[in-house]
Amino acid sequence: MEKNRVLECVLLVTVFIWGMNTPIMKVGLIYVSPVLYNAIRLLIAALLAWPVLWYSETYKPIQKKDIIPILAVSLCGFCFCQMFLAIGLPKTTAGNASLMMALLPLDVVIINKIFKNEDITIAVAAGMMMSLLGAVLVILGSGKELNLGSSDLIGTLFIFVAQVGNGYYTVFSKDLLTRYSTYQIITYILTLSAIAFGIFAMPDLLALQWGQIPVSAWIGISYSAVLALLLCNMVWVWVIGKLGSTRAALYQNLVPIFSIIGAWFLLGEVMRWLQCVGAVVIFLGLYVARIKVHKD
């Protein structure tokens, strides 16, 4: 029980950093497009991951049987998520995007069910549905538009594909932990994703005038690269190995709550009562899932 509490606290800190990343990114996105922003932060995170791996002294030669799984988790999982988010966000409403991203726990459950990786208990299923309901209330309370019309449908589908990629990365990165350290897994994922995304963003990178990016934007990019990408993903994969992907994914729906709190302090945005109700429902969902595990 005590070990689970520590892991839950670590997850809360992780999703807090991810939540704060959203309002911080808004500052940088004033000066840099989403594609460029992702390309730069992925490159920085990948470059920093290698010294961390070297210092950890946990490197192992990659077995031939693991080459395809590592490529799949990196490119079809993590990188696809980053690419499709960058493409889809400008093509749909903020409400649609938030709703698609709230589906991560459900994506993880479906992927686990298809590949028979993890079982889901009734309590965890109930907690997941409560968490999803809470996320919907947070979205509705924020005043973000939900629209499934033809003009926003393509962008919404891109965000959905991104979330499926995130679910794939969340589920199958756990399998690699039996043979490699968290540091090595994330270093490979970030490096392969940075290369692929860099090729995708090459026209924008070549046209970028680096001197026009202000210090405030670089601070946001650095926060996003070092904390949100490098540190949080290392912690995320490590916790998945301890708690399982289904339990860990439930905490992702706390990200918009911390984003709202961050926007309240950093950008002066207003918190609404329905958002507070949604936050309570999400925490109740986590509590329901948590009780069952502790009783076992």
C-alpha atoms as a PDB file:
ATOM      1  CA  MET A   1       0.000   0.000   0.000  1.00  0.00           C
ATOM      2  CA  GLU A   2       2.787   2.447   0.946  1.00  0.00           C
ATOM      3  CA  LYS A   3       4.588   1.721  -2.334  1.00  0.00           C
ATOM      4  CA  ASN A   4       1.421   2.456  -4.313  1.00  0.00           C
ATOM      5  CA  ARG A   5       1.005   5.771  -2.510  1.00  0.00           C
ATOM      6  CA  VAL A   6       4.537   6.814  -3.465  1.00  0.00           C
ATOM      7  CA  LEU A   7       3.897   5.872  -7.092  1.00  0.00           C
ATOM      8  CA  GLU A   8       0.618   7.802  -7.068  1.00  0.00           C
ATOM      9  CA  CYS A   9       2.377  10.885  -5.697  1.00  0.00           C
ATOM     10  CA  VAL A  10       5.022  10.576  -8.412  1.00  0.00           C
ATOM     11  CA  LEU A  11       2.244  10.342 -11.027  1.00  0.00           C
ATOM     12  CA  LEU A  12       0.565  13.439  -9.609  1.00  0.00           C
ATOM     13  CA  VAL A  13       3.804  15.419  -9.927  1.00  0.00           C
ATOM     14  CA  THR A  14       4.240  14.110 -13.484  1.00  0.00           C
ATOM     15  CA  VAL A  15       0.769  15.109 -14.667  1.00  0.00           C
ATOM     16  CA  PHE A  16       1.161  18.444 -12.863  1.00  0.00           C
ATOM     17  CA  ILE A  17       4.264  19.179 -14.961  1.00  0.00           C
ATOM     18  CA  TRP A  18       2.394  18.099 -18.102  1.00  0.00           C
ATOM     19  CA  GLY A  19      -0.572  20.241 -17.131  1.00  0.00           C
ATOM     20  CA  MET A  20       1.588  23.315 -16.562  1.00  0.00           C
ATOM     21  CA  ASN A  21       3.230  22.666 -19.914  1.00  0.00           C
ATOM     22  CA  THR A  22       0.055  23.684 -21.780  1.00  0.00           C
ATOM     23  CA  PRO A  23      -0.156  27.340 -20.611  1.00  0.00           C
ATOM     24  CA  ILE A  24       3.632  27.661 -20.803  1.00  0.00           C
ATOM     25  CA  MET A  25       3.587  26.419 -24.412  1.00  0.00           C
ATOM     26  CA  LYS A  26       0.992  29.072 -25.280  1.00  0.00           C
ATOM     27  CA  VAL A  27       3.651  31.738 -24.749  1.00  0.00           C
ATOM     28  CA  GLY A  28       6.106  30.064 -27.119  1.00  0.00           C
ATOM     29  CA  LEU A  29       3.458  29.322 -29.733  1.00  0.00           C
ATOM     30  CA  ILE A  30       2.960  33.064 -30.180  1.00  0.00           C
ATOM     31  CA  TYR A  31       6.347  33.125 -31.922  1.00  0.00           C
ATOM     32  CA  VAL A  32       6.810  29.533 -33.153  1.00  0.00           C
ATOM     33  CA  SER A  33       4.384  27.241 -35.019  1.00  0.00           C
ATOM     34  CA  PRO A  34       3.278  23.970 -33.331  1.00  0.00           C
ATOM     35  CA  VAL A  35       5.344  21.923 -35.806  1.00  0.00           C
ATOM     36  CA  LEU A  36       8.518  23.907 -35.123  1.00  0.00           C
ATOM     37  CA  TYR A  37       7.883  23.964 -31.385  1.00  0.00           C
ATOM     38  CA  ASN A  38       7.650  20.165 -31.273  1.00  0.00           C
ATOM     39  CA  ALA A  39      10.684  19.704 -33.521  1.00  0.00           C
ATOM     40  CA  ILE A  40      12.892  21.946 -31.365  1.00  0.00           C
ATOM     41  CA  ARG A  41      11.803  20.499 -28.020  1.00  0.00           C
ATOM     42  CA  LEU A  42      12.180  16.906 -29.286  1.00  0.00           C
ATOM     43  CA  LEU A  43      15.695  17.662 -30.502  1.00  0.00           C
ATOM     44  CA  ILE A  44      16.704  19.223 -27.172  1.00  0.00           C
ATOM     45  CA  ALA A  45      15.178  16.342 -25.175  1.00  0.00           C
ATOM     46  CA  ALA A  46      16.890  13.713 -27.357  1.00  0.00           C
ATOM     47  CA  LEU A  47      20.297  15.392 -27.049  1.00  0.00           C
ATOM     48  CA  LEU A  48      19.982  15.570 -23.262  1.00  0.00           C
ATOM     49  CA  ALA A  49      18.761  11.967 -22.952  1.00  0.00           C
ATOM     50  CA  TRP A  50      22.097  10.475 -24.043  1.00  0.00           C
ATOM     51  CA  PRO A  51      24.184  11.987 -21.189  1.00  0.00           C
ATOM     52  CA  VAL A  52      21.483  10.814 -18.752  1.00  0.00           C
ATOM     53  CA  LEU A  53      21.702   7.272 -20.173  1.00  0.00           C
ATOM     54  CA  TRP A  54      25.518   7.340 -20.014  1.00  0.00           C
ATOM     55  CA  TYR A  55      25.503   8.581 -16.419  1.00  0.00           C
ATOM     56  CA  SER A  56      22.974   5.884 -15.399  1.00  0.00           C
ATOM     57  CA  GLU A  57      25.369   3.141 -16.594  1.00  0.00           C
ATOM     58  CA  THR A  58      22.387   1.011 -17.652  1.00  0.00           C
ATOM     59  CA  TYR A  59      23.031   0.734 -21.393  1.00  0.00           C
ATOM     60  CA  LYS A  60      22.650  -2.748 -22.912  1.00  0.00           C
ATOM     61  CA  PRO A  61      23.129  -3.799 -26.544  1.00  0.00           C
ATOM     62  CA  ILE A  62      19.774  -4.020 -28.302  1.00  0.00           C
ATOM     63  CA  GLN A  63      18.705  -7.576 -29.097  1.00  0.00           C
ATOM     64  CA  LYS A  64      17.618  -8.221 -32.685  1.00  0.00           C
ATOM     65  CA  LYS A  65      14.151  -9.295 -31.553  1.00  0.00           C
ATOM     66  CA  ASP A  66      13.640  -5.875 -29.934  1.00  0.00           C
ATOM     67  CA  ILE A  67      14.538  -3.690 -32.928  1.00  0.00           C
ATOM     68  CA  ILE A  68      11.030  -3.762 -34.422  1.00  0.00           C
ATOM     69  CA  PRO A  69       9.241  -3.259 -31.043  1.00  0.00           C
ATOM     70  CA  ILE A  70      11.468  -0.258 -30.274  1.00  0.00           C
ATOM     71  CA  LEU A  71      10.841   1.229 -33.727  1.00  0.00           C
ATOM     72  CA  ALA A  72       7.097   0.613 -33.352  1.00  0.00           C
ATOM     73  CA  VAL A  73       6.855   2.205 -29.885  1.00  0.00           C
ATOM     74  CA  SER A  74       8.994   5.154 -30.977  1.00  0.00           C
ATOM     75  CA  LEU A  75       7.542   5.883 -34.417  1.00  0.00           C
ATOM     76  CA  CYS A  76       4.025   4.368 -34.455  1.00  0.00           C
ATOM     77  CA  GLY A  77       3.487   5.338 -30.834  1.00  0.00           C
ATOM     78  CA  PHE A  78       5.304   8.376 -29.471  1.00  0.00           C
ATOM     79  CA  CYS A  79       6.245  10.110 -32.740  1.00  0.00           C
ATOM     80  CA  PHE A  80       2.840   9.549 -34.357  1.00  0.00           C
ATOM     81  CA  CYS A  81       1.276  11.180 -31.308  1.00  0.00           C
ATOM     82  CA  GLN A  82       3.485  14.263 -31.665  1.00  0.00           C
ATOM     83  CA  MET A  83       3.013  14.525 -35.445  1.00  0.00           C
ATOM     84  CA  PHE A  84      -0.750  14.098 -35.537  1.00  0.00           C
ATOM     85  CA  LEU A  85      -1.225  16.504 -32.639  1.00  0.00           C
ATOM     86  CA  ALA A  86       0.781  19.156 -34.498  1.00  0.00           C
ATOM     87  CA  ILE A  87      -1.276  18.586 -37.657  1.00  0.00           C
ATOM     88  CA  GLY A  88      -4.678  18.199 -36.004  1.00  0.00           C
ATOM     89  CA  LEU A  89      -4.736  20.961 -33.390  1.00  0.00           C
ATOM     90  CA  PRO A  90      -5.034  23.850 -35.900  1.00  0.00           C
ATOM     91  CA  LYS A  91      -7.762  21.970 -37.808  1.00  0.00           C
ATOM     92  CA  THR A  92     -10.279  21.454 -35.004  1.00  0.00           C
ATOM     93  CA  THR A  93     -11.744  23.126 -31.936  1.00  0.00           C
ATOM     94  CA  ALA A  94     -10.000  23.101 -28.561  1.00  0.00           C
ATOM     95  CA  GLY A  95     -12.991  21.232 -27.121  1.00  0.00           C
ATOM     96  CA  ASN A  96     -12.751  18.451 -29.700  1.00  0.00           C
ATOM     97  CA  ALA A  97      -9.021  18.106 -29.100  1.00  0.00           C
ATOM     98  CA  SER A  98      -9.468  17.951 -25.322  1.00  0.00           C
ATOM     99  CA  LEU A  99     -12.188  15.323 -25.650  1.00  0.00           C
ATOM    100  CA  MET A 100     -10.042  13.107 -27.901  1.00  0.00           C
ATOM    101  CA  MET A 101      -7.094  13.394 -25.522  1.00  0.00           C
ATOM    102  CA  ALA A 102      -9.341  12.403 -22.610  1.00  0.00           C
ATOM    103  CA  LEU A 103      -9.880   9.040 -24.333  1.00  0.00           C
ATOM    104  CA  LEU A 104      -6.361   7.800 -23.488  1.00  0.00           C
ATOM    105  CA  PRO A 105      -7.481   5.497 -20.619  1.00  0.00           C
ATOM    106  CA  LEU A 106     -10.104   3.938 -22.900  1.00  0.00           C
ATOM    107  CA  ASP A 107      -7.528   3.538 -25.693  1.00  0.00           C
ATOM    108  CA  VAL A 108      -5.177   1.794 -23.273  1.00  0.00           C
ATOM    109  CA  VAL A 109      -7.905  -0.564 -22.056  1.00  0.00           C
ATOM    110  CA  ILE A 110      -8.889  -1.508 -25.625  1.00  0.00           C
ATOM    111  CA  ILE A 111      -5.264  -2.099 -26.688  1.00  0.00           C
ATOM    112  CA  ASN A 112      -4.629  -4.202 -23.571  1.00  0.00           C
ATOM    113  CA  LYS A 113      -7.807  -6.169 -24.248  1.00  0.00           C
ATOM    114  CA  ILE A 114      -6.890  -6.850 -27.882  1.00  0.00           C
ATOM    115  CA  PHE A 115      -3.359  -7.988 -27.065  1.00  0.00           C
ATOM    116  CA  LYS A 116      -4.324  -9.545 -23.690  1.00  0.00           C
ATOM    117  CA  ASN A 117      -1.624  -7.626 -21.818  1.00  0.00           C
ATOM    118  CA  GLU A 118      -3.547  -6.552 -18.718  1.00  0.00           C
ATOM    119  CA  ASP A 119      -6.874  -7.439 -17.137  1.00  0.00           C
ATOM    120  CA  ILE A 120      -9.250  -4.685 -16.072  1.00  0.00           C
ATOM    121  CA  THR A 121     -11.284  -4.969 -12.878  1.00  0.00           C
ATOM    122  CA  ILE A 122     -14.806  -3.645 -12.401  1.00  0.00           C
ATOM    123  CA  ALA A 123     -13.470  -1.002 -10.026  1.00  0.00           C
ATOM    124  CA  VAL A 124     -10.891   0.251 -12.527  1.00  0.00           C
ATOM    125  CA  ALA A 125     -13.550   0.283 -15.285  1.00  0.00           C
ATOM    126  CA  ALA A 126     -15.868   2.312 -13.047  1.00  0.00           C
ATOM    127  CA  GLY A 127     -13.046   4.681 -12.178  1.00  0.00           C
ATOM    128  CA  MET A 128     -12.206   5.100 -15.846  1.00  0.00           C
ATOM    129  CA  MET A 129     -15.786   6.026 -16.769  1.00  0.00           C
ATOM    130  CA  MET A 130     -15.990   8.508 -13.886  1.00  0.00           C
ATOM    131  CA  SER A 131     -12.678  10.008 -14.973  1.00  0.00           C
ATOM    132  CA  LEU A 132     -13.934  10.387 -18.547  1.00  0.00           C
ATOM    133  CA  LEU A 133     -17.159  12.009 -17.311  1.00  0.00           C
ATOM    134  CA  GLY A 134     -15.128  14.417 -15.214  1.00  0.00           C
ATOM    135  CA  ALA A 135     -12.964  15.304 -18.211  1.00  0.00           C
ATOM    136  CA  VAL A 136     -16.087  16.069 -20.268  1.00  0.00           C
ATOM    137  CA  LEU A 137     -17.387  18.344 -17.486  1.00  0.00           C
ATOM    138  CA  VAL A 138     -14.030  20.148 -17.385  1.00  0.00           C
ATOM    139  CA  ILE A 139     -14.194  20.689 -21.162  1.00  0.00           C
ATOM    140  CA  LEU A 140     -17.792  21.916 -21.069  1.00  0.00           C
ATOM    141  CA  GLY A 141     -17.017  24.165 -18.115  1.00  0.00           C
ATOM    142  CA  SER A 142     -14.101  25.750 -19.960  1.00  0.00           C
ATOM    143  CA  GLY A 143     -16.427  27.015 -22.680  1.00  0.00           C
ATOM    144  CA  LYS A 144     -14.441  25.207 -25.380  1.00  0.00           C
ATOM    145  CA  GLU A 145     -16.575  24.407 -28.395  1.00  0.00           C
ATOM    146  CA  LEU A 146     -17.453  20.793 -29.174  1.00  0.00           C
ATOM    147  CA  ASN A 147     -18.238  20.410 -32.865  1.00  0.00           C
ATOM    148  CA  LEU A 148     -18.295  17.232 -34.974  1.00  0.00           C
ATOM    149  CA  GLY A 149     -19.225  19.045 -38.177  1.00  0.00           C
ATOM    150  CA  SER A 150     -17.348  18.424 -41.418  1.00  0.00           C
ATOM    151  CA  SER A 151     -15.128  21.491 -40.962  1.00  0.00           C
ATOM    152  CA  ASP A 152     -13.619  20.112 -37.740  1.00  0.00           C
ATOM    153  CA  LEU A 153     -13.922  16.382 -38.390  1.00  0.00           C
ATOM    154  CA  ILE A 154     -10.540  15.897 -40.094  1.00  0.00           C
ATOM    155  CA  GLY A 155      -8.661  17.658 -37.311  1.00  0.00           C
ATOM    156  CA  THR A 156     -10.581  15.656 -34.699  1.00  0.00           C
ATOM    157  CA  LEU A 157      -9.631  12.408 -36.447  1.00  0.00           C
ATOM    158  CA  PHE A 158      -5.982  13.475 -36.448  1.00  0.00           C
ATOM    159  CA  ILE A 159      -6.146  14.061 -32.682  1.00  0.00           C
ATOM    160  CA  PHE A 160      -7.835  10.684 -32.230  1.00  0.00           C
ATOM    161  CA  VAL A 161      -5.033   8.948 -34.162  1.00  0.00           C
ATOM    162  CA  ALA A 162      -2.508  10.833 -32.022  1.00  0.00           C
ATOM    163  CA  GLN A 163      -4.179   9.520 -28.896  1.00  0.00           C
ATOM    164  CA  VAL A 164      -4.187   5.956 -30.231  1.00  0.00           C
ATOM    165  CA  GLY A 165      -0.443   6.372 -30.802  1.00  0.00           C
ATOM    166  CA  ASN A 166      -0.083   7.606 -27.236  1.00  0.00           C
ATOM    167  CA  GLY A 167      -1.997   4.567 -26.032  1.00  0.00           C
ATOM    168  CA  TYR A 168       0.244   2.233 -28.043  1.00  0.00           C
ATOM    169  CA  TYR A 169       3.344   3.887 -26.563  1.00  0.00           C
ATOM    170  CA  THR A 170       1.881   3.656 -23.038  1.00  0.00           C
ATOM    171  CA  VAL A 171       1.028  -0.062 -23.338  1.00  0.00           C
ATOM    172  CA  PHE A 172       4.012  -1.464 -25.215  1.00  0.00           C
ATOM    173  CA  SER A 173       6.826   0.534 -23.617  1.00  0.00           C
ATOM    174  CA  LYS A 174       6.130  -1.602 -20.525  1.00  0.00           C
ATOM    175  CA  ASP A 175       7.191  -4.783 -22.348  1.00  0.00           C
ATOM    176  CA  LEU A 176      10.658  -3.360 -23.001  1.00  0.00           C
ATOM    177  CA  LEU A 177      11.252  -2.712 -19.288  1.00  0.00           C
ATOM    178  CA  THR A 178      11.925  -6.410 -18.681  1.00  0.00           C
ATOM    179  CA  ARG A 179      15.154  -6.111 -20.711  1.00  0.00           C
ATOM    180  CA  TYR A 180      16.195  -2.446 -20.723  1.00  0.00           C
ATOM    181  CA  SER A 181      16.237   0.478 -18.305  1.00  0.00           C
ATOM    182  CA  THR A 182      13.781   3.348 -18.436  1.00  0.00           C
ATOM    183  CA  TYR A 183      16.678   5.637 -19.389  1.00  0.00           C
ATOM    184  CA  GLN A 184      17.585   3.545 -22.429  1.00  0.00           C
ATOM    185  CA  ILE A 185      13.989   3.124 -23.608  1.00  0.00           C
ATOM    186  CA  ILE A 186      13.227   6.850 -23.449  1.00  0.00           C
ATOM    187  CA  THR A 187      16.563   7.783 -25.037  1.00  0.00           C
ATOM    188  CA  TYR A 188      15.796   5.602 -28.049  1.00  0.00           C
ATOM    189  CA  ILE A 189      12.179   6.795 -28.250  1.00  0.00           C
ATOM    190  CA  LEU A 190      13.133  10.470 -28.103  1.00  0.00           C
ATOM    191  CA  THR A 191      16.034  10.094 -30.543  1.00  0.00           C
ATOM    192  CA  LEU A 192      14.053   8.191 -33.181  1.00  0.00           C
ATOM    193  CA  SER A 193      11.096  10.567 -32.752  1.00  0.00           C
ATOM    194  CA  ALA A 194      13.337  13.647 -33.030  1.00  0.00           C
ATOM    195  CA  ILE A 195      14.848  12.337 -36.281  1.00  0.00           C
ATOM    196  CA  ALA A 196      11.456  11.467 -37.795  1.00  0.00           C
ATOM    197  CA  PHE A 197       9.813  14.702 -36.657  1.00  0.00           C
ATOM    198  CA  GLY A 198      12.838  16.716 -37.781  1.00  0.00           C
ATOM    199  CA  ILE A 199      12.463  15.319 -41.308  1.00  0.00           C
ATOM    200  CA  PHE A 200       8.734  16.112 -41.180  1.00  0.00           C
ATOM    201  CA  ALA A 201       9.426  19.681 -40.003  1.00  0.00           C
ATOM    202  CA  MET A 202      12.519  20.290 -42.184  1.00  0.00           C
ATOM    203  CA  PRO A 203      10.947  22.983 -44.435  1.00  0.00           C
ATOM    204  CA  ASP A 204       9.870  24.992 -41.380  1.00  0.00           C
ATOM    205  CA  LEU A 205      13.236  24.466 -39.656  1.00  0.00           C
ATOM    206  CA  LEU A 206      15.159  25.737 -42.698  1.00  0.00           C
ATOM    207  CA  ALA A 207      12.954  28.824 -42.944  1.00  0.00           C
ATOM    208  CA  LEU A 208      13.161  29.644 -39.226  1.00  0.00           C
ATOM    209  CA  GLN A 209      15.069  32.754 -38.168  1.00  0.00           C
ATOM    210  CA  TRP A 210      16.417  31.585 -34.819  1.00  0.00           C
ATOM    211  CA  GLY A 211      17.322  35.073 -33.634  1.00  0.00           C
ATOM    212  CA  GLN A 212      13.667  36.134 -33.711  1.00  0.00           C
ATOM    213  CA  ILE A 213      12.680  33.677 -30.984  1.00  0.00           C
ATOM    214  CA  PRO A 214      12.561  35.695 -27.718  1.00  0.00           C
ATOM    215  CA  VAL A 215      13.946  34.534 -24.378  1.00  0.00           C
ATOM    216  CA  SER A 216      10.444  33.922 -22.982  1.00  0.00           C
ATOM    217  CA  ALA A 217       9.756  31.425 -25.786  1.00  0.00           C
ATOM    218  CA  TRP A 218      13.086  29.664 -25.205  1.00  0.00           C
ATOM    219  CA  ILE A 219      12.239  29.323 -21.516  1.00  0.00           C
ATOM    220  CA  GLY A 220       8.967  27.639 -22.449  1.00  0.00           C
ATOM    221  CA  ILE A 221      10.659  25.372 -25.009  1.00  0.00           C
ATOM    222  CA  SER A 222      13.301  24.406 -22.434  1.00  0.00           C
ATOM    223  CA  TYR A 223      10.648  23.596 -19.816  1.00  0.00           C
ATOM    224  CA  SER A 224       8.751  21.531 -22.362  1.00  0.00           C
ATOM    225  CA  ALA A 225      11.873  19.672 -23.526  1.00  0.00           C
ATOM    226  CA  VAL A 226      13.623  19.003 -20.214  1.00  0.00           C
ATOM    227  CA  LEU A 227      10.687  18.500 -17.850  1.00  0.00           C
ATOM    228  CA  ALA A 228       7.612  17.632 -19.939  1.00  0.00           C
ATOM    229  CA  LEU A 229       9.382  15.428 -22.512  1.00  0.00           C
ATOM    230  CA  LEU A 230      12.563  14.042 -20.959  1.00  0.00           C
ATOM    231  CA  LEU A 231      11.916  13.836 -17.217  1.00  0.00           C
ATOM    232  CA  CYS A 232       8.170  13.115 -17.291  1.00  0.00           C
ATOM    233  CA  ASN A 233       8.390  10.403 -19.941  1.00  0.00           C
ATOM    234  CA  MET A 234      11.171   8.665 -18.042  1.00  0.00           C
ATOM    235  CA  VAL A 235       9.013   8.736 -14.926  1.00  0.00           C
ATOM    236  CA  TRP A 236       5.908   7.746 -16.919  1.00  0.00           C
ATOM    237  CA  VAL A 237       7.463   4.581 -18.355  1.00  0.00           C
ATOM    238  CA  TRP A 238       8.960   3.675 -14.965  1.00  0.00           C
ATOM    239  CA  VAL A 239       5.595   4.021 -13.191  1.00  0.00           C
ATOM    240  CA  ILE A 240       3.821   2.049 -15.938  1.00  0.00           C
ATOM    241  CA  GLY A 241       6.199  -0.805 -15.176  1.00  0.00           C
ATOM    242  CA  LYS A 242       5.131  -0.682 -11.512  1.00  0.00           C
ATOM    243  CA  LEU A 243       1.390   0.107 -11.650  1.00  0.00           C
ATOM    244  CA  GLY A 244       0.452  -1.080 -15.136  1.00  0.00           C
ATOM    245  CA  SER A 245      -0.589   0.988 -18.141  1.00  0.00           C
ATOM    246  CA  THR A 246      -4.329   0.979 -17.346  1.00  0.00           C
ATOM    247  CA  ARG A 247      -3.978   2.402 -13.843  1.00  0.00           C
ATOM    248  CA  ALA A 248      -1.367   4.941 -14.896  1.00  0.00           C
ATOM    249  CA  ALA A 249      -3.420   6.147 -17.879  1.00  0.00           C
ATOM    250  CA  LEU A 250      -6.263   7.209 -15.563  1.00  0.00           C
ATOM    251  CA  TYR A 251      -4.050   9.982 -14.218  1.00  0.00           C
ATOM    252  CA  GLN A 252      -3.783  11.563 -17.669  1.00  0.00           C
ATOM    253  CA  ASN A 253      -7.223  13.103 -17.210  1.00  0.00           C
ATOM    254  CA  LEU A 254      -5.764  15.240 -14.425  1.00  0.00           C
ATOM    255  CA  VAL A 255      -3.626  17.069 -16.990  1.00  0.00           C
ATOM    256  CA  PRO A 256      -6.399  19.501 -18.090  1.00  0.00           C
ATOM    257  CA  ILE A 257      -7.122  20.317 -14.440  1.00  0.00           C
ATOM    258  CA  PHE A 258      -3.527  21.361 -13.814  1.00  0.00           C
ATOM    259  CA  SER A 259      -3.560  23.183 -17.166  1.00  0.00           C
ATOM    260  CA  ILE A 260      -6.542  25.225 -15.962  1.00  0.00           C
ATOM    261  CA  ILE A 261      -4.785  26.009 -12.681  1.00  0.00           C
ATOM    262  CA  GLY A 262      -1.639  27.001 -14.589  1.00  0.00           C
ATOM    263  CA  ALA A 263      -3.619  29.215 -16.977  1.00  0.00           C
ATOM    264  CA  TRP A 264      -5.317  30.794 -13.960  1.00  0.00           C
ATOM    265  CA  PHE A 265      -1.972  31.813 -12.435  1.00  0.00           C
ATOM    266  CA  LEU A 266       0.091  32.458 -15.564  1.00  0.00           C
ATOM    267  CA  LEU A 267      -2.441  33.777 -18.070  1.00  0.00           C
ATOM    268  CA  GLY A 268      -5.194  35.177 -15.860  1.00  0.00           C
ATOM    269  CA  GLU A 269      -7.840  32.797 -17.215  1.00  0.00           C
ATOM    270  CA  VAL A 270     -10.943  32.234 -15.072  1.00  0.00           C
ATOM    271  CA  MET A 271     -11.838  28.926 -13.387  1.00  0.00           C
ATOM    272  CA  ARG A 272     -15.549  28.041 -13.682  1.00  0.00           C
ATOM    273  CA  TRP A 273     -17.709  26.037 -11.298  1.00  0.00           C
ATOM    274  CA  LEU A 274     -18.367  23.223 -13.784  1.00  0.00           C
ATOM    275  CA  GLN A 275     -14.613  22.743 -14.182  1.00  0.00           C
ATOM    276  CA  CYS A 276     -14.330  22.365 -10.408  1.00  0.00           C
ATOM    277  CA  VAL A 277     -17.133  19.760 -10.429  1.00  0.00           C
ATOM    278  CA  GLY A 278     -15.336  17.896 -13.228  1.00  0.00           C
ATOM    279  CA  ALA A 279     -12.092  17.931 -11.235  1.00  0.00           C
ATOM    280  CA  VAL A 280     -13.865  16.408  -8.227  1.00  0.00           C
ATOM    281  CA  VAL A 281     -15.405  13.668 -10.418  1.00  0.00           C
ATOM    282  CA  ILE A 282     -11.978  12.822 -11.898  1.00  0.00           C
ATOM    283  CA  PHE A 283     -10.438  12.510  -8.431  1.00  0.00           C
ATOM    284  CA  LEU A 284     -13.370  10.337  -7.337  1.00  0.00           C
ATOM    285  CA  GLY A 285     -12.735   8.095 -10.333  1.00  0.00           C
ATOM    286  CA  LEU A 286      -9.093   7.716  -9.310  1.00  0.00           C
ATOM    287  CA  TYR A 287     -10.200   6.956  -5.748  1.00  0.00           C
ATOM    288  CA  VAL A 288     -12.602   4.218  -6.886  1.00  0.00           C
ATOM    289  CA  ALA A 289      -9.869   2.519  -8.937  1.00  0.00           C
ATOM    290  CA  ARG A 290      -7.377   2.923  -6.080  1.00  0.00           C
ATOM    291  CA  ILE A 291      -9.576   1.334  -3.377  1.00  0.00           C
ATOM    292  CA  LYS A 292      -9.904  -1.881  -5.315  1.00  0.00           C
ATOM    293  CA  VAL A 293      -6.178  -2.262  -5.782  1.00  0.00           C
ATOM    294  CA  HIS A 294      -5.431  -1.656  -2.110  1.00  0.00           C
ATOM    295  CA  LYS A 295      -8.035  -4.190  -0.987  1.00  0.00           C
ATOM    296  CA  ASP A 296      -6.387  -6.826  -3.181  1.00  0.00           C
END
